[in-house]
C-alpha atoms as a PDB file:
ATOM      1  CA  GLU A   1     -55.987 -37.978  43.636  1.00  0.00           C
ATOM      2  CA  VAL A   2     -59.378 -39.624  43.965  1.00  0.00           C
ATOM      3  CA  PRO A   3     -59.305 -43.425  44.404  1.00  0.00           C
ATOM      4  CA  GLU A   4     -60.696 -45.376  41.450  1.00  0.00           C
ATOM      5  CA  LEU A   5     -63.392 -46.956  43.642  1.00  0.00           C
ATOM      6  CA  MET A   6     -64.776 -43.542  44.571  1.00  0.00           C
ATOM      7  CA  VAL A   7     -64.765 -42.413  40.946  1.00  0.00           C
ATOM      8  CA  SER A   8     -66.919 -45.413  40.064  1.00  0.00           C
ATOM      9  CA  LEU A   9     -69.495 -44.264  42.634  1.00  0.00           C
ATOM     10  CA  PHE A  10     -69.834 -40.724  41.294  1.00  0.00           C
ATOM     11  CA  VAL A  11     -73.315 -39.772  40.085  1.00  0.00           C
ATOM     12  CA  GLU A  12     -73.707 -37.646  36.961  1.00  0.00           C
ATOM     13  CA  PRO A  13     -76.977 -35.653  36.969  1.00  0.00           C
ATOM     14  CA  ASN A  14     -79.109 -35.155  33.861  1.00  0.00           C
ATOM     15  CA  ARG A  15     -77.781 -31.633  33.429  1.00  0.00           C
ATOM     16  CA  ALA A  16     -75.140 -29.368  34.886  1.00  0.00           C
ATOM     17  CA  ILE A  17     -75.690 -27.087  37.857  1.00  0.00           C
ATOM     18  CA  PRO A  18     -74.238 -23.572  37.362  1.00  0.00           C
ATOM     19  CA  ASN A  19     -70.999 -22.957  39.227  1.00  0.00           C
ATOM     20  CA  ASP A  20     -72.497 -19.924  40.966  1.00  0.00           C
ATOM     21  CA  PRO A  21     -71.655 -19.320  44.656  1.00  0.00           C
ATOM     22  CA  THR A  22     -74.671 -17.014  44.995  1.00  0.00           C
ATOM     23  CA  LEU A  23     -77.140 -19.776  44.042  1.00  0.00           C
ATOM     24  CA  LYS A  24     -79.549 -20.359  46.934  1.00  0.00           C
ATOM     25  CA  GLN A  25     -82.257 -22.728  45.668  1.00  0.00           C
ATOM     26  CA  LEU A  26     -82.213 -26.089  43.900  1.00  0.00           C
ATOM     27  CA  ILE A  27     -84.824 -28.789  43.290  1.00  0.00           C
ATOM     28  CA  LEU A  28     -83.681 -32.355  42.603  1.00  0.00           C
ATOM     29  CA  HIS A  29     -85.398 -35.652  41.857  1.00  0.00           C
ATOM     30  CA  VAL A  30     -83.563 -38.634  43.346  1.00  0.00           C
ATOM     31  CA  ARG A  31     -84.261 -42.315  42.706  1.00  0.00           C
ATOM     32  CA  SER A  32     -82.598 -45.631  43.399  1.00  0.00           C
ATOM     33  CA  LYS A  33     -81.058 -47.633  40.590  1.00  0.00           C
ATOM     34  CA  ASP A  34     -82.533 -50.882  41.899  1.00  0.00           C
ATOM     35  CA  GLY A  35     -86.041 -49.491  42.333  1.00  0.00           C
ATOM     36  CA  SER A  36     -86.013 -49.664  46.127  1.00  0.00           C
ATOM     37  CA  VAL A  37     -87.887 -47.042  48.139  1.00  0.00           C
ATOM     38  CA  LEU A  38     -85.671 -44.144  49.207  1.00  0.00           C
ATOM     39  CA  GLU A  39     -85.562 -42.642  52.687  1.00  0.00           C
ATOM     40  CA  LEU A  40     -83.781 -39.279  52.692  1.00  0.00           C
ATOM     41  CA  PRO A  41     -83.849 -36.837  55.619  1.00  0.00           C
ATOM     42  CA  THR A  42     -85.447 -33.430  55.916  1.00  0.00           C
ATOM     43  CA  ALA A  43     -82.605 -31.667  57.667  1.00  0.00           C
ATOM     44  CA  GLY A  44     -80.502 -28.537  57.473  1.00  0.00           C
ATOM     45  CA  PHE A  45     -81.342 -26.713  54.264  1.00  0.00           C
ATOM     46  CA  GLN A  46     -82.902 -29.824  52.684  1.00  0.00           C
ATOM     47  CA  THR A  47     -86.597 -30.719  52.548  1.00  0.00           C
ATOM     48  CA  ALA A  48     -87.271 -34.267  51.329  1.00  0.00           C
ATOM     49  CA  THR A  49     -90.680 -35.335  50.008  1.00  0.00           C
ATOM     50  CA  LYS A  50     -91.257 -39.014  49.300  1.00  0.00           C
ATOM     51  CA  ASN A  51     -93.191 -39.676  46.093  1.00  0.00           C
ATOM     52  CA  GLU A  52     -95.673 -42.503  45.509  1.00  0.00           C
ATOM     53  CA  ASP A  53     -93.216 -44.315  43.253  1.00  0.00           C
ATOM     54  CA  GLY A  54     -90.558 -44.500  45.974  1.00  0.00           C
ATOM     55  CA  THR A  55     -88.472 -41.640  44.608  1.00  0.00           C
ATOM     56  CA  VAL A  56     -87.731 -38.449  46.529  1.00  0.00           C
ATOM     57  CA  THR A  57     -88.019 -34.786  45.589  1.00  0.00           C
ATOM     58  CA  LEU A  58     -85.473 -32.596  47.328  1.00  0.00           C
ATOM     59  CA  VAL A  59     -85.838 -28.856  47.785  1.00  0.00           C
ATOM     60  CA  LEU A  60     -82.606 -27.200  48.870  1.00  0.00           C
ATOM     61  CA  ASP A  61     -82.991 -23.638  50.099  1.00  0.00           C
ATOM     62  CA  LEU A  62     -80.076 -21.919  51.823  1.00  0.00           C
ATOM     63  CA  ASP A  63     -82.425 -19.239  53.182  1.00  0.00           C
ATOM     64  CA  THR A  64     -84.725 -21.705  54.963  1.00  0.00           C
ATOM     65  CA  PRO A  65     -83.032 -23.970  57.534  1.00  0.00           C
ATOM     66  CA  ILE A  66     -85.156 -26.768  58.983  1.00  0.00           C
ATOM     67  CA  ALA A  67     -86.286 -26.574  62.606  1.00  0.00           C
ATOM     68  CA  ALA A  68     -85.086 -29.319  64.930  1.00  0.00           C
ATOM     69  CA  THR A  69     -87.644 -31.759  66.271  1.00  0.00           C
ATOM     70  CA  PRO A  70     -88.490 -31.755  70.003  1.00  0.00           C
ATOM     71  CA  GLU A  71     -86.539 -35.018  70.313  1.00  0.00           C
ATOM     72  CA  GLU A  72     -83.479 -33.475  68.659  1.00  0.00           C
ATOM     73  CA  LEU A  73     -83.638 -30.428  70.925  1.00  0.00           C
ATOM     74  CA  GLU A  74     -83.469 -32.718  73.964  1.00  0.00           C
ATOM     75  CA  ASP A  75     -80.849 -35.132  72.612  1.00  0.00           C
ATOM     76  CA  GLU A  76     -77.703 -34.767  74.714  1.00  0.00           C
ATOM     77  CA  ASN A  77     -75.629 -36.687  72.150  1.00  0.00           C
ATOM     78  CA  TYR A  78     -75.428 -33.567  69.990  1.00  0.00           C
ATOM     79  CA  LEU A  79     -73.455 -31.753  72.689  1.00  0.00           C
ATOM     80  CA  SER A  80     -71.656 -34.482  74.632  1.00  0.00           C
ATOM     81  CA  ALA A  81     -68.209 -35.876  73.837  1.00  0.00           C
ATOM     82  CA  SER A  82     -67.727 -39.255  72.180  1.00  0.00           C
ATOM     83  CA  SER A  83     -64.642 -41.210  71.183  1.00  0.00           C
ATOM     84  CA  LEU A  84     -64.934 -39.833  67.637  1.00  0.00           C
ATOM     85  CA  CYS A  85     -66.263 -36.350  68.379  1.00  0.00           C
ATOM     86  CA  ASP A  86     -64.283 -35.532  71.537  1.00  0.00           C
ATOM     87  CA  GLY A  87     -65.001 -31.846  71.893  1.00  0.00           C
ATOM     88  CA  ASN A  88     -63.664 -31.904  75.455  1.00  0.00           C
ATOM     89  CA  ASP A  89     -60.131 -32.739  74.305  1.00  0.00           C
ATOM     90  CA  GLU A  90     -57.576 -30.083  75.282  1.00  0.00           C
ATOM     91  CA  ALA A  91     -56.293 -29.567  71.730  1.00  0.00           C
ATOM     92  CA  VAL A  92     -59.819 -29.267  70.322  1.00  0.00           C
ATOM     93  CA  VAL A  93     -60.823 -26.770  73.019  1.00  0.00           C
ATOM     94  CA  THR A  94     -57.705 -24.691  72.318  1.00  0.00           C
ATOM     95  CA  ILE A  95     -58.426 -24.513  68.597  1.00  0.00           C
ATOM     96  CA  ALA A  96     -62.010 -23.458  69.308  1.00  0.00           C
ATOM     97  CA  LYS A  97     -60.925 -20.716  71.693  1.00  0.00           C
ATOM     98  CA  ASN A  98     -58.339 -19.404  69.227  1.00  0.00           C
ATOM     99  CA  ALA A  99     -60.898 -19.373  66.421  1.00  0.00           C
ATOM    100  CA  ILE A 100     -63.322 -17.124  68.276  1.00  0.00           C
ATOM    101  CA  ALA A 101     -60.820 -15.026  70.233  1.00  0.00           C
ATOM    102  CA  THR A 102     -61.085 -12.068  67.872  1.00  0.00           C
ATOM    103  CA  LEU A 103     -64.883 -12.074  67.659  1.00  0.00           C
ATOM    104  CA  PRO A 104     -66.746  -9.293  69.470  1.00  0.00           C
ATOM    105  CA  ALA A 105     -68.222 -10.071  72.867  1.00  0.00           C
ATOM    106  CA  ASP A 106     -71.747  -9.912  71.453  1.00  0.00           C
ATOM    107  CA  ALA A 107     -71.026 -12.329  68.589  1.00  0.00           C
ATOM    108  CA  SER A 108     -73.987 -14.573  67.818  1.00  0.00           C
ATOM    109  CA  GLU A 109     -73.811 -18.365  67.815  1.00  0.00           C
ATOM    110  CA  LEU A 110     -74.059 -18.209  64.027  1.00  0.00           C
ATOM    111  CA  ASP A 111     -71.025 -15.894  63.919  1.00  0.00           C
ATOM    112  CA  ILE A 112     -69.158 -18.344  66.144  1.00  0.00           C
ATOM    113  CA  ALA A 113     -70.152 -21.316  63.964  1.00  0.00           C
ATOM    114  CA  PHE A 114     -68.951 -19.542  60.815  1.00  0.00           C
ATOM    115  CA  ALA A 115     -65.640 -18.675  62.504  1.00  0.00           C
ATOM    116  CA  LEU A 116     -65.136 -22.290  63.583  1.00  0.00           C
ATOM    117  CA  ARG A 117     -65.917 -23.548  60.082  1.00  0.00           C
ATOM    118  CA  SER A 118     -63.354 -21.179  58.563  1.00  0.00           C
ATOM    119  CA  LYS A 119     -60.829 -22.257  61.179  1.00  0.00           C
ATOM    120  CA  VAL A 120     -61.164 -25.921  60.211  1.00  0.00           C
ATOM    121  CA  PHE A 121     -60.789 -25.084  56.522  1.00  0.00           C
ATOM    122  CA  ASP A 122     -57.483 -23.296  57.247  1.00  0.00           C
ATOM    123  CA  TYR A 123     -56.298 -25.570  60.063  1.00  0.00           C
ATOM    124  CA  ILE A 124     -56.283 -28.864  58.128  1.00  0.00           C
ATOM    125  CA  ASP A 125     -53.350 -28.087  55.866  1.00  0.00           C
ATOM    126  CA  GLU A 126     -52.742 -31.594  54.514  1.00  0.00           C
ATOM    127  CA  LYS A 127     -55.932 -32.301  52.622  1.00  0.00           C
ATOM    128  CA  GLY A 128     -56.046 -35.846  51.295  1.00  0.00           C
ATOM    129  CA  MET A 129     -57.515 -39.320  51.716  1.00  0.00           C
ATOM    130  CA  SER A 130     -54.710 -41.022  53.617  1.00  0.00           C
ATOM    131  CA  THR A 131     -56.574 -40.821  56.942  1.00  0.00           C
ATOM    132  CA  ALA A 132     -59.434 -43.194  57.754  1.00  0.00           C
ATOM    133  CA  PHE A 133     -62.124 -41.397  59.778  1.00  0.00           C
ATOM    134  CA  ALA A 134     -59.945 -39.830  62.473  1.00  0.00           C
ATOM    135  CA  SER A 135     -61.361 -38.405  65.680  1.00  0.00           C
ATOM    136  CA  ALA A 136     -61.543 -34.679  66.324  1.00  0.00           C
ATOM    137  CA  SER A 137     -58.624 -34.893  68.770  1.00  0.00           C
ATOM    138  CA  GLN A 138     -56.419 -36.814  66.327  1.00  0.00           C
ATOM    139  CA  THR A 139     -57.154 -34.351  63.540  1.00  0.00           C
ATOM    140  CA  ALA A 140     -56.439 -31.472  65.919  1.00  0.00           C
ATOM    141  CA  ARG A 141     -52.939 -32.890  66.325  1.00  0.00           C
ATOM    142  CA  ASP A 142     -52.257 -34.284  62.819  1.00  0.00           C
ATOM    143  CA  ARG A 143     -53.858 -31.410  60.858  1.00  0.00           C
ATOM    144  CA  LYS A 144     -54.642 -33.713  57.957  1.00  0.00           C
ATOM    145  CA  GLY A 145     -57.587 -35.516  56.425  1.00  0.00           C
ATOM    146  CA  ASP A 146     -60.424 -35.516  53.940  1.00  0.00           C
ATOM    147  CA  CYS A 147     -64.057 -34.466  54.262  1.00  0.00           C
ATOM    148  CA  SER A 148     -64.747 -36.768  57.228  1.00  0.00           C
ATOM    149  CA  GLU A 149     -61.916 -35.249  59.269  1.00  0.00           C
ATOM    150  CA  HIS A 150     -63.109 -31.740  58.379  1.00  0.00           C
ATOM    151  CA  GLY A 151     -66.659 -32.636  59.392  1.00  0.00           C
ATOM    152  CA  VAL A 152     -65.787 -34.391  62.646  1.00  0.00           C
ATOM    153  CA  LEU A 153     -63.323 -31.713  63.769  1.00  0.00           C
ATOM    154  CA  LEU A 154     -65.882 -28.983  63.094  1.00  0.00           C
ATOM    155  CA  CYS A 155     -68.475 -30.896  65.125  1.00  0.00           C
ATOM    156  CA  GLY A 156     -65.937 -31.147  67.950  1.00  0.00           C
ATOM    157  CA  LEU A 157     -65.153 -27.422  67.858  1.00  0.00           C
ATOM    158  CA  LEU A 158     -68.844 -26.567  67.877  1.00  0.00           C
ATOM    159  CA  ARG A 159     -69.450 -28.748  70.945  1.00  0.00           C
ATOM    160  CA  ALA A 160     -66.373 -27.292  72.647  1.00  0.00           C
ATOM    161  CA  SER A 161     -68.050 -23.902  72.149  1.00  0.00           C
ATOM    162  CA  GLY A 162     -71.380 -25.041  73.570  1.00  0.00           C
ATOM    163  CA  ILE A 163     -73.148 -25.438  70.206  1.00  0.00           C
ATOM    164  CA  PRO A 164     -74.871 -28.801  69.512  1.00  0.00           C
ATOM    165  CA  SER A 165     -73.683 -30.444  66.301  1.00  0.00           C
ATOM    166  CA  ARG A 166     -73.981 -33.545  64.155  1.00  0.00           C
ATOM    167  CA  GLY A 167     -72.379 -35.051  61.089  1.00  0.00           C
ATOM    168  CA  VAL A 168     -74.050 -35.401  57.706  1.00  0.00           C
ATOM    169  CA  MET A 169     -73.309 -38.042  55.102  1.00  0.00           C
ATOM    170  CA  GLY A 170     -74.339 -37.598  51.503  1.00  0.00           C
ATOM    171  CA  MET A 171     -73.124 -36.195  48.208  1.00  0.00           C
ATOM    172  CA  VAL A 172     -71.736 -32.893  46.992  1.00  0.00           C
ATOM    173  CA  TYR A 173     -71.863 -31.566  43.439  1.00  0.00           C
ATOM    174  CA  VAL A 174     -68.531 -31.022  41.713  1.00  0.00           C
ATOM    175  CA  PRO A 175     -68.783 -29.085  38.423  1.00  0.00           C
ATOM    176  CA  ASN A 176     -66.509 -29.809  35.498  1.00  0.00           C
ATOM    177  CA  TYR A 177     -65.221 -33.079  36.916  1.00  0.00           C
ATOM    178  CA  GLY A 178     -65.211 -36.403  35.144  1.00  0.00           C
ATOM    179  CA  ALA A 179     -68.413 -35.924  33.142  1.00  0.00           C
ATOM    180  CA  PRO A 180     -70.022 -33.266  30.901  1.00  0.00           C
ATOM    181  CA  ASN A 181     -72.664 -32.456  33.540  1.00  0.00           C
ATOM    182  CA  GLY A 182     -70.327 -32.590  36.515  1.00  0.00           C
ATOM    183  CA  VAL A 183     -70.834 -35.222  39.225  1.00  0.00           C
ATOM    184  CA  PHE A 184     -72.178 -35.764  42.714  1.00  0.00           C
ATOM    185  CA  GLY A 185     -69.452 -37.361  44.836  1.00  0.00           C
ATOM    186  CA  TRP A 186     -69.813 -38.958  48.266  1.00  0.00           C
ATOM    187  CA  HIS A 187     -69.089 -36.500  51.039  1.00  0.00           C
ATOM    188  CA  MET A 188     -69.397 -35.582  54.720  1.00  0.00           C
ATOM    189  CA  TRP A 189     -70.078 -32.243  56.385  1.00  0.00           C
ATOM    190  CA  SER A 190     -71.490 -30.795  59.620  1.00  0.00           C
ATOM    191  CA  GLN A 191     -74.662 -29.231  60.992  1.00  0.00           C
ATOM    192  CA  ALA A 192     -74.901 -26.833  63.927  1.00  0.00           C
ATOM    193  CA  LEU A 193     -78.049 -26.420  66.004  1.00  0.00           C
ATOM    194  CA  ILE A 194     -78.562 -22.669  66.277  1.00  0.00           C
ATOM    195  CA  ASP A 195     -81.717 -20.917  67.455  1.00  0.00           C
ATOM    196  CA  GLY A 196     -83.597 -24.191  67.176  1.00  0.00           C
ATOM    197  CA  LYS A 197     -82.649 -24.816  63.549  1.00  0.00           C
ATOM    198  CA  TRP A 198     -80.051 -27.010  61.857  1.00  0.00           C
ATOM    199  CA  ILE A 199     -77.486 -25.006  59.858  1.00  0.00           C
ATOM    200  CA  ASP A 200     -75.358 -26.823  57.271  1.00  0.00           C
ATOM    201  CA  LEU A 201     -71.632 -26.038  57.361  1.00  0.00           C
ATOM    202  CA  ASP A 202     -69.035 -27.535  55.020  1.00  0.00           C
ATOM    203  CA  ALA A 203     -65.469 -27.012  56.230  1.00  0.00           C
ATOM    204  CA  THR A 204     -63.976 -28.315  52.965  1.00  0.00           C
ATOM    205  CA  LEU A 205     -65.261 -25.270  51.058  1.00  0.00           C
ATOM    206  CA  ARG A 206     -64.074 -21.671  50.922  1.00  0.00           C
ATOM    207  CA  THR A 207     -67.657 -20.571  51.561  1.00  0.00           C
ATOM    208  CA  PRO A 208     -69.830 -21.812  54.474  1.00  0.00           C
ATOM    209  CA  PHE A 209     -72.015 -24.023  52.268  1.00  0.00           C
ATOM    210  CA  SER A 210     -73.214 -24.538  48.705  1.00  0.00           C
ATOM    211  CA  VAL A 211     -76.608 -25.548  47.409  1.00  0.00           C
ATOM    212  CA  GLY A 212     -75.282 -28.648  45.619  1.00  0.00           C
ATOM    213  CA  HIS A 213     -75.425 -31.002  48.622  1.00  0.00           C
ATOM    214  CA  ILE A 214     -77.646 -34.077  49.051  1.00  0.00           C
ATOM    215  CA  ALA A 215     -77.965 -35.362  52.625  1.00  0.00           C
ATOM    216  CA  THR A 216     -78.611 -39.102  52.848  1.00  0.00           C
ATOM    217  CA  LEU A 217     -78.326 -39.426  56.640  1.00  0.00           C
ATOM    218  CA  THR A 218     -77.361 -37.531  59.779  1.00  0.00           C
ATOM    219  CA  THR A 219     -75.338 -38.884  62.682  1.00  0.00           C
ATOM    220  CA  SER A 220     -74.858 -37.722  66.255  1.00  0.00           C
ATOM    221  CA  LEU A 221     -71.383 -39.341  66.159  1.00  0.00           C
ATOM    222  CA  SER A 222     -72.191 -40.985  69.486  1.00  0.00           C
ATOM    223  CA  ASP A 223     -70.416 -44.181  70.505  1.00  0.00           C
ATOM    224  CA  GLU A 224     -73.707 -46.079  70.721  1.00  0.00           C
ATOM    225  CA  GLY A 225     -75.230 -45.002  67.421  1.00  0.00           C
ATOM    226  CA  ILE A 226     -72.381 -44.448  64.983  1.00  0.00           C
ATOM    227  CA  ALA A 227     -72.197 -48.020  63.634  1.00  0.00           C
ATOM    228  CA  ALA A 228     -75.910 -48.240  62.839  1.00  0.00           C
ATOM    229  CA  GLU A 229     -76.049 -44.697  61.494  1.00  0.00           C
ATOM    230  CA  MET A 230     -73.060 -45.157  59.217  1.00  0.00           C
ATOM    231  CA  GLY A 231     -74.348 -48.557  58.119  1.00  0.00           C
ATOM    232  CA  GLY A 232     -77.395 -46.825  56.691  1.00  0.00           C
ATOM    233  CA  ILE A 233     -75.319 -45.191  53.979  1.00  0.00           C
ATOM    234  CA  LEU A 234     -74.448 -48.565  52.458  1.00  0.00           C
ATOM    235  CA  ALA A 235     -77.950 -48.800  50.999  1.00  0.00           C
ATOM    236  CA  THR A 236     -77.442 -45.624  48.984  1.00  0.00           C
ATOM    237  CA  ILE A 237     -73.771 -45.581  47.940  1.00  0.00           C
ATOM    238  CA  GLY A 238     -73.626 -46.447  44.251  1.00  0.00           C
ATOM    239  CA  ASN A 239     -77.413 -46.817  44.099  1.00  0.00           C
ATOM    240  CA  LEU A 240     -78.658 -43.292  43.368  1.00  0.00           C
ATOM    241  CA  GLU A 241     -79.565 -41.358  40.241  1.00  0.00           C
ATOM    242  CA  VAL A 242     -80.143 -37.598  40.287  1.00  0.00           C
ATOM    243  CA  ASP A 243     -82.137 -35.309  37.995  1.00  0.00           C
ATOM    244  CA  VAL A 244     -81.923 -31.533  38.263  1.00  0.00           C
ATOM    245  CA  VAL A 245     -85.509 -30.244  38.168  1.00  0.00           C
ATOM    246  CA  GLN A 246     -85.069 -26.554  38.895  1.00  0.00           C
ATOM    247  CA  VAL A 247     -82.156 -24.211  39.518  1.00  0.00           C
ATOM    248  CA  GLY A 248     -83.119 -21.077  41.403  1.00  0.00           C
ATOM    249  CA  ASP A 249     -86.382 -19.899  39.860  1.00  0.00           C
ATOM    250  CA  LYS A 250     -85.663 -21.502  36.480  1.00  0.00           C
ATOM    251  CA  LYS A 251     -86.749 -25.027  35.506  1.00  0.00           C
END
């Protein structure tokens, strides 16, 4: 069950997005309800362009991941352990090793990331909202949680496997839920830094990722930055409106 507070924060777009797992491109127009200027990241599969009126045009393209900045490539927080994303924990390391044990010796980092994502989807067998932002190590032992536990555990497994990672806060599109056009609900997922590019991975889905995601901020999940990074989402929760401009090659 979804808490009533979260339902009140859902965002219904101007029209429905097809429930098509093969859909790769989507263009959205996002604005704030209070007229404030939006700051949305260009990250993962999302390119954000700020318009003169303070709104943002988002182009989501699952075939075109965004390259990391030089600063991001050098940021040790994406690979180091923190109290929340403790990829060095014994239980987390064991899950990561088990997830990739059957992969061929020449498996790419992308193959490894996909295997870890699938592992988290299967491993968390009590999917619900009773847990409040558990660490990777706690989730490794409890095997329960919502999108934040899926996202944090996946980030931990990626780091345990030597792949830099970060969390992403934003919204995900849910078709046929609560409104004629479906809704965007608040959500968390992961990104892996592979071959110099950020790859979006959502461990709550049966597929690696879907085009109906809006990233509002990214977080290294470091002890020093998590409070400020997570605080940034408060300016957008309940304050966004979304128009679907183009789906695939059709406006």
